[in-house]
């Protein structure tokens, strides 16, 4: 079947599944990534709050200011550049305590938080990105009195970014693997689901090539109407052709006797000029009738008809060789597997007209070759060593009633019949000069696939 209609059904479905899978898995990945980032940010906030509570639990008033004596449970507070930082400042912004991890680092000055306020944010400590939390507290001491402080904690985001990167690699790796698995499963399902259609296509090809008469009845319920419809069309085509052949045979029989009587009558008195003119007109009528009868019986679509070419060519060459004295040298180059995509009578008509012209006009030699070009086109070459066909007459001789050589008898419809028959098969007819010196007629007919 022709593939000019675009993508096949299997490719269309697979492309659609690919688009859906990419969109679905892409949106799923984005949603999961956003959810993980939100949960990661929430976990950071909770950790920072816990660190603030840890500092408050360890805080003491010394020398009238709130400080944290001694070491803290999390050792990163005391390790320079440890990734966890803390400080305490009073209501005037004066820092009363800094963790050892801030050694050499400058904490940007920020506004103090009111008692009970939580202030989340981001800051940069010497080009190190960190997430921060400030908590305002009112501290009462018997000696120092009641004062307000801001306890601030910051944690490097390096670990969080690495965790997020690792999560994304794992997430997209699994999503890509799931997408590939989904597409493979879709391909297998589509291959299985479209199997009846592929079987139907094979059966149609077998019908066109003559290996089957009709489609099998076994088909899925959705394809039964299609198969039944095609089978009805096949039966109608056979019946139509049978009726054509019957009608044409009756017409030919009804015209044959009157024309024969009229021809005999005119031949009896052929010495008179009027009779000769009438005899010529009878010949033209006879040729026209045969031409139009042959043309009317042709169908543009051949279903299930294939004819081996070599046996037909051999019979024609044997029959035509007896028309010449001396017998010309006839060569045939054709394999046994070369077939004509139509019935034998049309092959006889097509090849017979071409060979008849070659045998009548050759001097000593006729050469016939038949091959299959590219596995899809039958090519027949008929060459002779006669006078050939002049270039200015090559188009004219394929029209009914036109002849390039008026010295030989004939109605001038042979090559016209060939041209019309080749056109009915969507083929081509080409006239040129043969290496033998005479005419070279090339016929190309597509093979049904």
Protein backbone atom coordinates (compact mmCIF):
# COMPACT_ATOMS: atom_id res chain seq x y z
CA UNK A 1 0.00 0.00 0.00
CA UNK A 2 1.09 3.51 -0.62
CA UNK A 3 2.80 5.37 2.20
CA UNK A 4 2.09 8.84 0.79
CA UNK A 5 -0.59 9.50 3.43
CA UNK A 6 1.95 10.35 6.13
CA UNK A 7 2.81 8.45 9.29
CA UNK A 8 1.54 4.93 9.78
CA UNK A 9 -1.02 4.18 12.49
CA UNK A 10 1.64 2.49 14.62
CA UNK A 11 3.93 5.52 14.42
CA UNK A 12 1.07 7.92 15.06
CA UNK A 13 0.03 6.03 18.19
CA UNK A 14 3.62 5.69 19.36
CA UNK A 15 4.29 9.39 18.78
CA UNK A 16 1.11 10.25 20.68
CA UNK A 17 2.14 7.97 23.55
CA UNK A 18 5.59 9.62 23.55
CA UNK A 19 4.08 13.12 23.77
CA UNK A 20 1.68 12.08 26.55
CA UNK A 21 4.46 10.30 28.46
CA UNK A 22 6.82 13.29 28.18
CA UNK A 23 4.13 15.74 29.33
CA UNK A 24 2.85 13.52 32.13
CA UNK A 25 6.24 12.47 33.47
CA UNK A 26 7.62 15.99 33.03
CA UNK A 27 4.78 17.54 35.01
CA UNK A 28 5.07 14.76 37.58
CA UNK A 29 8.79 15.42 37.93
CA UNK A 30 8.25 19.17 38.33
CA UNK A 31 5.53 18.59 40.94
CA UNK A 32 7.64 16.10 42.92
CA UNK A 33 10.66 18.41 42.72
CA UNK A 34 8.61 21.33 44.01
CA UNK A 35 7.15 19.20 46.79
CA UNK A 36 10.62 18.04 47.83
CA UNK A 37 11.94 21.60 47.81
CA UNK A 38 9.04 22.71 49.98
CA UNK A 39 9.61 19.85 52.42
CA UNK A 40 13.34 20.61 52.42
CA UNK A 41 12.68 24.28 53.23
CA UNK A 42 10.27 23.25 56.00
CA UNK A 43 12.88 20.91 57.44
CA UNK A 44 15.43 23.75 57.39
CA UNK A 45 13.03 26.04 59.26
CA UNK A 46 12.40 23.36 61.89
CA UNK A 47 16.11 22.74 62.36
CA UNK A 48 16.79 26.45 62.74
CA UNK A 49 14.03 26.72 65.36
CA UNK A 50 15.53 23.81 67.28
CA UNK A 51 18.93 25.50 67.17
CA UNK A 52 17.36 28.72 68.49
CA UNK A 53 15.76 26.82 71.37
CA UNK A 54 19.09 25.14 72.08
CA UNK A 55 20.79 28.55 72.34
CA UNK A 56 18.04 29.89 74.60
CA UNK A 57 18.36 26.86 76.84
CA UNK A 58 22.09 27.48 77.27
CA UNK A 59 21.94 31.30 77.54
CA UNK A 60 22.95 33.10 80.76
CA UNK A 61 23.25 36.74 81.83
CA UNK A 62 26.88 37.64 82.45
CA UNK A 63 28.13 41.16 83.12
CA UNK A 64 24.66 42.52 82.43
CA UNK A 65 24.43 40.94 78.94
CA UNK A 66 22.98 37.71 77.63
CA UNK A 67 25.70 35.26 76.64
CA UNK A 68 26.20 31.53 76.19
CA UNK A 69 29.00 30.17 78.35
CA UNK A 70 30.75 26.92 77.53
CA UNK A 71 30.28 24.59 74.61
CA UNK A 72 27.06 23.81 72.84
CA UNK A 73 25.76 20.29 72.04
CA UNK A 74 26.21 20.84 68.31
CA UNK A 75 29.94 21.20 67.79
CA UNK A 76 29.55 23.09 64.53
CA UNK A 77 28.82 26.25 66.54
CA UNK A 78 32.37 26.19 67.84
CA UNK A 79 34.10 25.10 64.61
CA UNK A 80 35.33 27.92 62.33
CA UNK A 81 33.45 27.70 59.06
CA UNK A 82 31.48 24.74 60.43
CA UNK A 83 28.32 25.69 58.54
CA UNK A 84 26.23 26.48 61.66
CA UNK A 85 26.41 30.00 63.04
CA UNK A 86 24.75 31.90 65.88
CA UNK A 87 24.80 35.28 67.62
CA UNK A 88 22.84 37.27 70.21
CA UNK A 89 22.29 41.01 70.01
CA UNK A 90 20.48 43.45 72.27
CA UNK A 91 17.70 45.86 71.38
CA UNK A 92 20.27 48.44 70.22
CA UNK A 93 21.92 46.01 67.80
CA UNK A 94 25.00 45.44 69.95
CA UNK A 95 26.25 41.86 69.66
CA UNK A 96 26.57 40.26 73.09
CA UNK A 97 27.62 36.79 71.86
CA UNK A 98 29.01 35.22 68.69
CA UNK A 99 29.62 31.56 68.02
CA UNK A 100 33.13 30.39 67.34
CA UNK A 101 32.10 29.35 63.82
CA UNK A 102 31.77 33.06 62.93
CA UNK A 103 35.49 33.63 63.42
CA UNK A 104 36.67 35.74 60.48
CA UNK A 105 33.15 36.11 59.08
CA UNK A 106 31.06 39.25 58.94
CA UNK A 107 27.36 38.82 59.73
CA UNK A 108 25.37 41.52 57.91
CA UNK A 109 23.65 43.92 60.25
CA UNK A 110 19.89 43.31 60.42
CA UNK A 111 16.96 44.81 62.29
CA UNK A 112 16.24 43.33 65.68
CA UNK A 113 13.12 41.19 66.17
CA UNK A 114 10.45 42.02 68.67
CA UNK A 115 9.68 39.62 71.52
CA UNK A 116 8.12 36.43 70.15
CA UNK A 117 8.74 37.33 66.49
CA UNK A 118 10.27 34.78 64.09
CA UNK A 119 12.10 36.19 61.08
CA UNK A 120 13.23 33.74 58.40
CA UNK A 121 15.54 34.87 55.65
CA UNK A 122 18.67 34.28 53.62
CA UNK A 123 22.06 35.84 54.03
CA UNK A 124 25.53 35.57 52.61
CA UNK A 125 28.55 34.97 54.84
CA UNK A 126 31.68 35.61 52.80
CA UNK A 127 30.00 34.31 49.58
CA UNK A 128 28.52 31.32 51.41
CA UNK A 129 24.77 31.10 51.01
CA UNK A 130 22.90 30.43 54.25
CA UNK A 131 19.34 30.36 55.55
CA UNK A 132 18.76 32.33 58.78
CA UNK A 133 16.23 32.61 61.59
CA UNK A 134 15.93 35.47 64.05
CA UNK A 135 13.83 35.14 67.20
CA UNK A 136 13.01 38.04 69.52
CA UNK A 137 12.94 37.36 73.27
CA UNK A 138 12.40 39.44 76.46
CA UNK A 139 14.86 38.27 79.14
CA UNK A 140 14.31 38.99 82.81
CA UNK A 141 17.17 38.85 85.30
CA UNK A 142 17.11 39.86 89.01
CA UNK A 143 20.39 41.73 88.66
CA UNK A 144 20.24 43.07 85.06
CA UNK A 145 16.50 43.58 84.92
CA UNK A 146 14.34 42.92 81.89
CA UNK A 147 15.89 43.42 78.49
CA UNK A 148 15.07 42.46 74.89
CA UNK A 149 17.41 40.36 72.76
CA UNK A 150 17.44 38.84 69.30
CA UNK A 151 18.79 35.32 68.98
CA UNK A 152 19.89 34.56 65.41
CA UNK A 153 20.93 31.28 63.85
CA UNK A 154 22.17 30.64 60.30
CA UNK A 155 22.93 27.33 58.55
CA UNK A 156 24.84 26.83 55.31
CA UNK A 157 22.71 25.67 52.38
CA UNK A 158 25.53 23.61 50.86
CA UNK A 159 24.28 20.36 52.33
CA UNK A 160 20.71 21.17 51.32
CA UNK A 161 21.73 21.88 47.74
CA UNK A 162 23.69 18.65 47.57
CA UNK A 163 20.71 16.79 48.98
CA UNK A 164 18.43 18.47 46.45
CA UNK A 165 20.82 17.63 43.58
CA UNK A 166 21.02 14.00 44.67
CA UNK A 167 17.25 13.83 44.89
CA UNK A 168 16.83 15.33 41.44
CA UNK A 169 19.29 12.88 39.89
CA UNK A 170 17.45 9.98 41.47
CA UNK A 171 14.03 11.39 40.60
CA UNK A 172 14.72 12.11 36.92
CA UNK A 173 16.66 8.89 36.52
CA UNK A 174 13.68 6.88 37.68
CA UNK A 175 11.23 8.98 35.66
CA UNK A 176 13.27 8.50 32.48
CA UNK A 177 13.47 4.77 33.17
CA UNK A 178 9.72 4.72 33.77
CA UNK A 179 9.15 6.66 30.54
CA UNK A 180 11.27 4.23 28.51
CA UNK A 181 9.47 1.29 30.09
CA UNK A 182 6.11 2.93 29.38
CA UNK A 183 6.98 3.53 25.73
CA UNK A 184 8.23 -0.03 25.30
CA UNK A 185 5.05 -1.39 26.82
CA UNK A 186 2.99 0.92 24.59
CA UNK A 187 4.92 -0.25 21.53
CA UNK A 188 4.29 -3.89 22.42
CA UNK A 189 0.61 -3.24 23.11
CA UNK A 190 0.20 -1.36 19.84
CA UNK A 191 2.05 -4.08 17.93
CA UNK A 192 -0.34 -6.63 19.39
CA UNK A 193 -3.41 -4.43 18.96
CA UNK A 194 -2.65 -3.57 15.31
CA UNK A 195 -1.88 -7.16 14.33
CA UNK A 196 -5.36 -7.67 12.77
CA UNK A 197 -4.85 -4.60 10.60
CA UNK A 198 -1.46 -5.84 9.43
CA UNK A 199 -3.00 -9.22 8.65
CA UNK A 200 -5.74 -7.47 6.67
CA UNK A 201 -3.12 -5.52 4.69
CA UNK A 202 -1.25 -8.74 3.88
CA UNK A 203 -4.47 -10.39 2.73
CA UNK A 204 -5.27 -7.41 0.49
CA UNK A 205 -1.79 -7.67 -1.02
CA UNK A 206 -2.31 -11.38 -1.59
CA UNK A 207 -5.63 -10.65 -3.31
CA UNK A 208 -4.04 -8.06 -5.60
CA UNK A 209 -1.18 -10.44 -6.48
CA UNK A 210 -3.50 -13.33 -7.19
CA UNK A 211 -2.65 -15.58 -4.27
CA UNK A 212 -6.10 -15.27 -2.70
CA UNK A 213 -9.62 -14.73 -4.00
CA UNK A 214 -11.00 -12.81 -1.01
CA UNK A 215 -10.30 -11.75 2.56
CA UNK A 216 -10.62 -14.23 5.40
CA UNK A 217 -13.74 -14.06 7.52
CA UNK A 218 -11.80 -14.21 10.82
CA UNK A 219 -11.38 -10.61 11.98
CA UNK A 220 -12.03 -8.53 15.11
CA UNK A 221 -15.60 -7.20 15.36
CA UNK A 222 -14.45 -3.69 14.45
CA UNK A 223 -12.94 -4.92 11.14
CA UNK A 224 -15.70 -7.33 10.09
CA UNK A 225 -17.71 -4.62 8.22
CA UNK A 226 -14.55 -3.55 6.38
CA UNK A 227 -13.63 -7.11 5.39
CA UNK A 228 -17.20 -7.86 4.29
CA UNK A 229 -17.33 -4.66 2.25
CA UNK A 230 -14.05 -5.44 0.48
CA UNK A 231 -15.20 -8.99 -0.28
CA UNK A 232 -18.44 -7.65 -1.76
CA UNK A 233 -16.45 -5.24 -3.92
CA UNK A 234 -14.21 -8.08 -5.11
CA UNK A 235 -17.21 -10.22 -6.05
CA UNK A 236 -18.87 -7.27 -7.80
CA UNK A 237 -15.66 -6.56 -9.76
CA UNK A 238 -15.41 -10.17 -10.94
CA UNK A 239 -19.06 -10.20 -11.95
CA UNK A 240 -18.72 -6.87 -13.74
CA UNK A 241 -15.72 -8.08 -15.71
CA UNK A 242 -17.47 -11.32 -16.56
CA UNK A 243 -20.45 -9.38 -17.87
CA UNK A 244 -18.13 -7.10 -19.83
CA UNK A 245 -16.39 -10.03 -21.44
CA UNK A 246 -19.70 -11.68 -22.30
CA UNK A 247 -21.14 -8.49 -23.78
CA UNK A 248 -17.99 -7.73 -25.75
CA UNK A 249 -17.84 -11.27 -27.10
CA UNK A 250 -21.46 -10.99 -28.24
CA UNK A 251 -20.78 -7.62 -29.86
CA UNK A 252 -17.68 -8.91 -31.64
CA UNK A 253 -19.58 -11.95 -32.90
CA UNK A 254 -22.49 -9.85 -34.15
CA UNK A 255 -20.14 -7.52 -36.08
CA UNK A 256 -17.81 -10.18 -37.42
CA UNK A 257 -20.17 -11.78 -39.93
CA UNK A 258 -21.55 -8.57 -41.52
CA UNK A 259 -18.05 -7.13 -41.90
CA UNK A 260 -16.77 -10.37 -43.42
CA UNK A 261 -19.64 -10.42 -45.95
CA UNK A 262 -19.12 -6.76 -46.81
CA UNK A 263 -15.35 -7.28 -47.19
CA UNK A 264 -15.87 -10.28 -49.47
CA UNK A 265 -18.31 -8.39 -51.62
CA UNK A 266 -15.94 -5.46 -52.02
CA UNK A 267 -12.94 -7.69 -52.71
CA UNK A 268 -14.84 -9.36 -55.57
CA UNK A 269 -14.96 -6.08 -57.41
CA UNK A 270 -11.77 -4.53 -56.05
CA UNK A 271 -10.65 -3.48 -59.53
CA UNK A 272 -13.01 -0.54 -59.42
CA UNK A 273 -11.82 2.55 -57.58
CA UNK A 274 -15.01 2.87 -55.55
CA UNK A 275 -14.74 -0.70 -54.32
CA UNK A 276 -11.12 -0.15 -53.30
CA UNK A 277 -12.17 2.90 -51.32
CA UNK A 278 -15.02 0.96 -49.69
CA UNK A 279 -12.68 -1.92 -48.85
CA UNK A 280 -10.30 0.51 -47.15
CA UNK A 281 -13.15 1.97 -45.13
CA UNK A 282 -14.24 -1.54 -44.05
CA UNK A 283 -10.69 -2.23 -42.88
CA UNK A 284 -10.73 0.99 -40.89
CA UNK A 285 -14.13 0.13 -39.37
CA UNK A 286 -12.86 -3.34 -38.45
CA UNK A 287 -9.74 -1.93 -36.85
CA UNK A 288 -11.69 0.73 -34.93
CA UNK A 289 -14.16 -1.84 -33.64
CA UNK A 290 -11.35 -4.09 -32.40
CA UNK A 291 -9.57 -1.11 -30.83
CA UNK A 292 -12.61 0.14 -28.92
CA UNK A 293 -13.66 -3.35 -27.88
CA UNK A 294 -10.22 -3.97 -26.43
CA UNK A 295 -10.18 -0.55 -24.76
CA UNK A 296 -13.63 -0.96 -23.18
CA UNK A 297 -12.68 -4.27 -21.57
CA UNK A 298 -9.78 -2.89 -19.62
CA UNK A 299 -9.92 -2.06 -15.94
CA UNK A 300 -7.67 0.39 -14.16
CA UNK A 301 -7.30 -1.95 -11.20
CA UNK A 302 -6.30 -5.59 -11.65
CA UNK A 303 -7.24 -7.83 -8.78
CA UNK A 304 -5.56 -11.20 -8.41
CA UNK A 305 -4.23 -11.57 -11.98
CA UNK A 306 -0.62 -12.46 -12.78
CA UNK A 307 0.71 -14.01 -15.99
CA UNK A 308 4.20 -15.52 -16.50
CA UNK A 309 5.74 -13.53 -19.34
CA UNK A 310 8.23 -15.96 -20.88
CA UNK A 311 5.74 -18.63 -22.16
CA UNK A 312 3.60 -15.95 -23.83
CA UNK A 313 6.62 -14.30 -25.46
CA UNK A 314 7.88 -17.66 -26.77
CA UNK A 315 4.49 -18.50 -28.32
CA UNK A 316 4.27 -15.09 -29.99
CA UNK A 317 7.80 -15.30 -31.39
CA UNK A 318 7.14 -18.77 -32.81
CA UNK A 319 3.91 -17.63 -34.43
CA UNK A 320 5.36 -14.42 -35.86
CA UNK A 321 8.53 -16.04 -37.17
CA UNK A 322 6.49 -17.83 -39.82
CA UNK A 323 5.40 -14.51 -41.34
CA UNK A 324 8.85 -13.71 -42.72
CA UNK A 325 11.08 -15.42 -45.26
CA UNK A 326 13.86 -15.83 -44.40
CA UNK A 327 13.06 -16.20 -40.71
CA UNK A 328 14.67 -13.36 -38.72
CA UNK A 329 17.02 -14.03 -35.81
CA UNK A 330 14.91 -13.66 -32.65
CA UNK A 331 16.46 -13.34 -29.17
CA UNK A 332 14.54 -13.62 -25.89
CA UNK A 333 16.09 -12.66 -22.56
CA UNK A 334 13.51 -13.25 -19.82
CA UNK A 335 13.65 -15.14 -16.54
CA UNK A 336 11.04 -17.70 -15.58
CA UNK A 337 10.03 -15.64 -12.54
CA UNK A 338 9.13 -12.49 -14.52
CA UNK A 339 5.36 -11.96 -14.46
CA UNK A 340 2.92 -9.50 -15.99
CA UNK A 341 0.44 -7.97 -13.47
CA UNK A 342 -2.64 -8.75 -15.52
CA UNK A 343 -4.51 -11.41 -17.49
CA UNK A 344 -2.92 -13.38 -20.34
CA UNK A 345 -5.16 -11.91 -23.07
CA UNK A 346 -3.99 -8.36 -22.28
CA UNK A 347 -0.36 -9.46 -22.22
CA UNK A 348 -0.90 -11.16 -25.60
CA UNK A 349 -2.42 -7.96 -26.99
CA UNK A 350 0.29 -5.69 -25.60
CA UNK A 351 3.28 -7.84 -26.48
CA UNK A 352 1.75 -9.12 -29.74
CA UNK A 353 1.31 -5.65 -31.23
CA UNK A 354 4.85 -4.61 -30.36
CA UNK A 355 6.43 -7.84 -31.64
CA UNK A 356 4.31 -7.76 -34.79
CA UNK A 357 5.67 -4.30 -35.62
CA UNK A 358 9.22 -5.41 -34.88
CA UNK A 359 9.00 -8.58 -36.99
CA UNK A 360 7.34 -6.81 -39.94
CA UNK A 361 9.89 -3.99 -40.04
CA UNK A 362 13.14 -5.73 -39.09
CA UNK A 363 15.80 -6.73 -41.61
CA UNK A 364 17.37 -9.72 -39.92
CA UNK A 365 17.14 -9.44 -36.14
CA UNK A 366 14.66 -8.90 -33.27
CA UNK A 367 15.66 -8.79 -29.62
CA UNK A 368 13.27 -9.01 -26.63
CA UNK A 369 14.28 -8.51 -22.98
CA UNK A 370 12.07 -8.48 -19.88
CA UNK A 371 13.30 -7.66 -16.37
CA UNK A 372 11.97 -6.45 -13.03
CA UNK A 373 13.59 -3.10 -12.15
CA UNK A 374 13.95 -2.35 -8.46
CA UNK A 375 11.56 -5.14 -7.52
CA UNK A 376 8.56 -2.91 -8.31
CA UNK A 377 8.42 -2.32 -12.08
CA UNK A 378 8.24 -4.65 -15.08
CA UNK A 379 10.35 -3.42 -18.00
CA UNK A 380 10.00 -4.91 -21.50
CA UNK A 381 12.41 -3.90 -24.30
CA UNK A 382 11.70 -4.83 -27.93
CA UNK A 383 14.39 -3.90 -30.47
CA UNK A 384 14.92 -4.53 -34.17
CA UNK A 385 17.41 -3.66 -36.88
CA UNK A 386 14.87 -2.15 -39.26
CA UNK A 387 14.54 1.45 -40.46
CA UNK A 388 13.32 2.63 -37.05
CA UNK A 389 10.76 5.30 -36.24
CA UNK A 390 11.69 8.92 -37.08
CA UNK A 391 11.84 11.24 -34.10
CA UNK A 392 9.11 13.49 -35.50
CA UNK A 393 6.75 10.51 -35.89
CA UNK A 394 7.18 8.84 -32.48
CA UNK A 395 4.33 10.67 -30.82
CA UNK A 396 2.10 10.43 -33.87
CA UNK A 397 2.33 6.64 -34.25
CA UNK A 398 0.80 6.09 -30.82
CA UNK A 399 -2.44 7.71 -31.98
CA UNK A 400 -5.10 5.52 -33.52
CA UNK A 401 -5.05 5.41 -37.33
CA UNK A 402 -1.54 6.89 -37.65
CA UNK A 403 1.33 4.93 -39.26
CA UNK A 404 4.93 5.86 -39.84
CA UNK A 405 5.29 3.36 -42.70
CA UNK A 406 2.50 3.26 -45.28
CA UNK A 407 4.23 0.61 -47.41
CA UNK A 408 3.05 -2.21 -45.13
CA UNK A 409 -0.63 -3.14 -44.68
CA UNK A 410 -2.39 -2.27 -41.45
CA UNK A 411 -4.89 -0.01 -39.81
CA UNK A 412 -2.42 2.00 -37.74
CA UNK A 413 -3.86 1.02 -34.36
CA UNK A 414 -1.20 -1.40 -33.05
CA UNK A 415 0.92 1.05 -31.09
CA UNK A 416 -2.19 3.04 -30.15
CA UNK A 417 -3.60 -0.09 -28.51
CA UNK A 418 -0.27 -0.63 -26.75
CA UNK A 419 -0.14 2.98 -25.53
CA UNK A 420 -3.69 2.83 -24.23
CA UNK A 421 -3.12 -0.52 -22.51
CA UNK A 422 0.11 0.65 -20.88
CA UNK A 423 -1.67 3.81 -19.67
CA UNK A 424 -4.40 1.62 -18.16
CA UNK A 425 -1.69 -0.01 -16.04
CA UNK A 426 -0.25 3.41 -15.05
CA UNK A 427 2.85 2.53 -17.05
CA UNK A 428 4.94 4.33 -19.67
CA UNK A 429 5.71 3.73 -23.35
CA UNK A 430 8.95 5.11 -24.81
CA UNK A 431 10.10 5.00 -28.44
CA UNK A 432 13.76 5.51 -29.30
CA UNK A 433 16.63 4.25 -31.47
CA UNK A 434 17.97 0.76 -30.78
CA UNK A 435 21.68 -0.11 -30.68
CA UNK A 436 20.72 -2.60 -33.43
CA UNK A 437 19.93 0.38 -35.67
CA UNK A 438 16.13 0.15 -35.74
CA UNK A 439 13.32 0.95 -33.32
CA UNK A 440 13.56 0.46 -29.59
CA UNK A 441 10.24 0.23 -27.75
CA UNK A 442 10.43 0.35 -23.95
CA UNK A 443 7.39 -0.61 -21.86
CA UNK A 444 7.36 -0.04 -18.10
CA UNK A 445 4.47 -1.34 -16.01
CA UNK A 446 4.30 -1.04 -12.18
CA UNK A 447 3.93 -4.34 -10.37
CA UNK A 448 1.17 -4.57 -7.78
CA UNK A 449 2.59 -4.61 -4.24
